[in-house]
């Protein structure tokens, strides 16, 4: 065990039990953050990720409320005045 680990353990043992539990929560948070960062680094290229997202959306029928996709696309692409720039 290195010096840093020893210091952490000594400080942890000096804390009351509720604060030790809080410390455990924080350590678990850090581990989750590390795992997420490692997964992000190993993630698929954006194109493959988009395909996966679109497949999931299709499986849930996420866009089934859009009856005419062409009309919907034209509508969302229309220019709209920007907030604070009307007129």
C-alpha atoms as a PDB file:
ATOM      1  CA  UNK A   1       0.000   0.000   0.000  1.00  0.00           C
ATOM      2  CA  UNK A   2       1.449   3.373  -0.971  1.00  0.00           C
ATOM      3  CA  UNK A   3       1.685   6.465   1.222  1.00  0.00           C
ATOM      4  CA  UNK A   4      -1.360   8.146  -0.335  1.00  0.00           C
ATOM      5  CA  UNK A   5      -3.536   5.098   0.284  1.00  0.00           C
ATOM      6  CA  UNK A   6      -2.313   4.911   3.877  1.00  0.00           C
ATOM      7  CA  UNK A   7      -3.138   8.587   4.429  1.00  0.00           C
ATOM      8  CA  UNK A   8      -6.612   8.129   2.949  1.00  0.00           C
ATOM      9  CA  UNK A   9      -7.276   5.152   5.213  1.00  0.00           C
ATOM     10  CA  UNK A  10      -6.042   6.988   8.306  1.00  0.00           C
ATOM     11  CA  UNK A  11      -8.202  10.007   7.538  1.00  0.00           C
ATOM     12  CA  UNK A  12     -11.181   7.793   6.745  1.00  0.00           C
ATOM     13  CA  UNK A  13     -10.863   5.876  10.010  1.00  0.00           C
ATOM     14  CA  UNK A  14     -10.827   9.175  11.916  1.00  0.00           C
ATOM     15  CA  UNK A  15     -14.214  10.181  10.485  1.00  0.00           C
ATOM     16  CA  UNK A  16     -17.541   9.329  12.121  1.00  0.00           C
ATOM     17  CA  UNK A  17     -19.436   6.469  10.482  1.00  0.00           C
ATOM     18  CA  UNK A  18     -21.984   8.673   8.641  1.00  0.00           C
ATOM     19  CA  UNK A  19     -19.110  10.549   6.991  1.00  0.00           C
ATOM     20  CA  UNK A  20     -17.424   7.253   6.133  1.00  0.00           C
ATOM     21  CA  UNK A  21     -20.639   6.241   4.356  1.00  0.00           C
ATOM     22  CA  UNK A  22     -20.598   9.567   2.505  1.00  0.00           C
ATOM     23  CA  UNK A  23     -16.997   8.901   1.523  1.00  0.00           C
ATOM     24  CA  UNK A  24     -17.985   5.499   0.171  1.00  0.00           C
ATOM     25  CA  UNK A  25     -20.710   7.156  -1.924  1.00  0.00           C
ATOM     26  CA  UNK A  26     -18.141   9.573  -3.331  1.00  0.00           C
ATOM     27  CA  UNK A  27     -15.649   6.792  -4.114  1.00  0.00           C
ATOM     28  CA  UNK A  28     -18.387   4.881  -5.946  1.00  0.00           C
ATOM     29  CA  UNK A  29     -19.254   8.055  -7.862  1.00  0.00           C
ATOM     30  CA  UNK A  30     -15.601   8.422  -8.899  1.00  0.00           C
ATOM     31  CA  UNK A  31     -15.467   4.790 -10.018  1.00  0.00           C
ATOM     32  CA  UNK A  32     -18.602   5.281 -12.120  1.00  0.00           C
ATOM     33  CA  UNK A  33     -17.133   8.450 -13.606  1.00  0.00           C
ATOM     34  CA  UNK A  34     -13.933   6.585 -14.488  1.00  0.00           C
ATOM     35  CA  UNK A  35     -15.881   3.746 -16.121  1.00  0.00           C
ATOM     36  CA  UNK A  36     -17.964   6.248 -18.115  1.00  0.00           C
ATOM     37  CA  UNK A  37     -14.815   8.030 -19.299  1.00  0.00           C
ATOM     38  CA  UNK A  38     -13.269   4.722 -20.337  1.00  0.00           C
ATOM     39  CA  UNK A  39     -16.431   3.767 -22.221  1.00  0.00           C
ATOM     40  CA  UNK A  40     -16.509   7.156 -23.945  1.00  0.00           C
ATOM     41  CA  UNK A  41     -12.915   6.673 -25.056  1.00  0.00           C
ATOM     42  CA  UNK A  42     -13.743   3.240 -26.476  1.00  0.00           C
ATOM     43  CA  UNK A  43     -17.044   4.293 -28.047  1.00  0.00           C
ATOM     44  CA  UNK A  44     -17.924   3.655 -31.639  1.00  0.00           C
ATOM     45  CA  UNK A  45     -17.465   6.426 -34.199  1.00  0.00           C
ATOM     46  CA  UNK A  46     -20.306   8.955 -34.220  1.00  0.00           C
ATOM     47  CA  UNK A  47     -21.884   7.481 -37.338  1.00  0.00           C
ATOM     48  CA  UNK A  48     -22.256   4.067 -35.745  1.00  0.00           C
ATOM     49  CA  UNK A  49     -23.590   5.634 -32.551  1.00  0.00           C
ATOM     50  CA  UNK A  50     -26.209   7.565 -34.531  1.00  0.00           C
ATOM     51  CA  UNK A  51     -27.278   4.369 -36.291  1.00  0.00           C
ATOM     52  CA  UNK A  52     -27.714   2.671 -32.913  1.00  0.00           C
ATOM     53  CA  UNK A  53     -29.789   5.583 -31.592  1.00  0.00           C
ATOM     54  CA  UNK A  54     -31.964   5.614 -34.706  1.00  0.00           C
ATOM     55  CA  UNK A  55     -32.537   1.853 -34.458  1.00  0.00           C
ATOM     56  CA  UNK A  56     -33.655   2.245 -30.844  1.00  0.00           C
ATOM     57  CA  UNK A  57     -35.984   5.078 -31.816  1.00  0.00           C
ATOM     58  CA  UNK A  58     -37.446   2.952 -34.611  1.00  0.00           C
ATOM     59  CA  UNK A  59     -38.003   0.051 -32.225  1.00  0.00           C
ATOM     60  CA  UNK A  60     -39.981   2.391 -29.925  1.00  0.00           C
ATOM     61  CA  UNK A  61     -41.862   3.995 -32.829  1.00  0.00           C
ATOM     62  CA  UNK A  62     -40.592   7.303 -31.487  1.00  0.00           C
ATOM     63  CA  UNK A  63     -41.607   9.305 -34.555  1.00  0.00           C
ATOM     64  CA  UNK A  64     -44.892   7.541 -35.305  1.00  0.00           C
ATOM     65  CA  UNK A  65     -46.899  10.699 -34.567  1.00  0.00           C
ATOM     66  CA  UNK A  66     -45.473  12.345 -37.712  1.00  0.00           C
ATOM     67  CA  UNK A  67     -47.992  11.571 -40.430  1.00  0.00           C
ATOM     68  CA  UNK A  68     -46.267  13.361 -43.351  1.00  0.00           C
ATOM     69  CA  UNK A  69     -42.478  13.371 -42.875  1.00  0.00           C
ATOM     70  CA  UNK A  70     -41.884  15.715 -45.831  1.00  0.00           C
ATOM     71  CA  UNK A  71     -44.331  18.308 -44.501  1.00  0.00           C
ATOM     72  CA  UNK A  72     -42.855  17.961 -41.007  1.00  0.00           C
ATOM     73  CA  UNK A  73     -39.348  18.500 -42.373  1.00  0.00           C
ATOM     74  CA  UNK A  74     -40.400  21.596 -44.344  1.00  0.00           C
ATOM     75  CA  UNK A  75     -42.096  22.985 -41.237  1.00  0.00           C
ATOM     76  CA  UNK A  76     -39.115  22.561 -38.937  1.00  0.00           C
ATOM     77  CA  UNK A  77     -36.755  24.046 -41.516  1.00  0.00           C
ATOM     78  CA  UNK A  78     -38.733  27.268 -41.957  1.00  0.00           C
ATOM     79  CA  UNK A  79     -36.890  30.372 -40.888  1.00  0.00           C
ATOM     80  CA  UNK A  80     -38.164  31.786 -37.657  1.00  0.00           C
ATOM     81  CA  UNK A  81     -37.281  35.131 -36.095  1.00  0.00           C
ATOM     82  CA  UNK A  82     -34.639  34.830 -33.437  1.00  0.00           C
ATOM     83  CA  UNK A  83     -35.587  35.915 -29.920  1.00  0.00           C
ATOM     84  CA  UNK A  84     -34.829  39.598 -29.483  1.00  0.00           C
ATOM     85  CA  UNK A  85     -34.442  40.113 -33.245  1.00  0.00           C
ATOM     86  CA  UNK A  86     -38.056  40.405 -34.354  1.00  0.00           C
ATOM     87  CA  UNK A  87     -38.754  43.132 -36.893  1.00  0.00           C
END
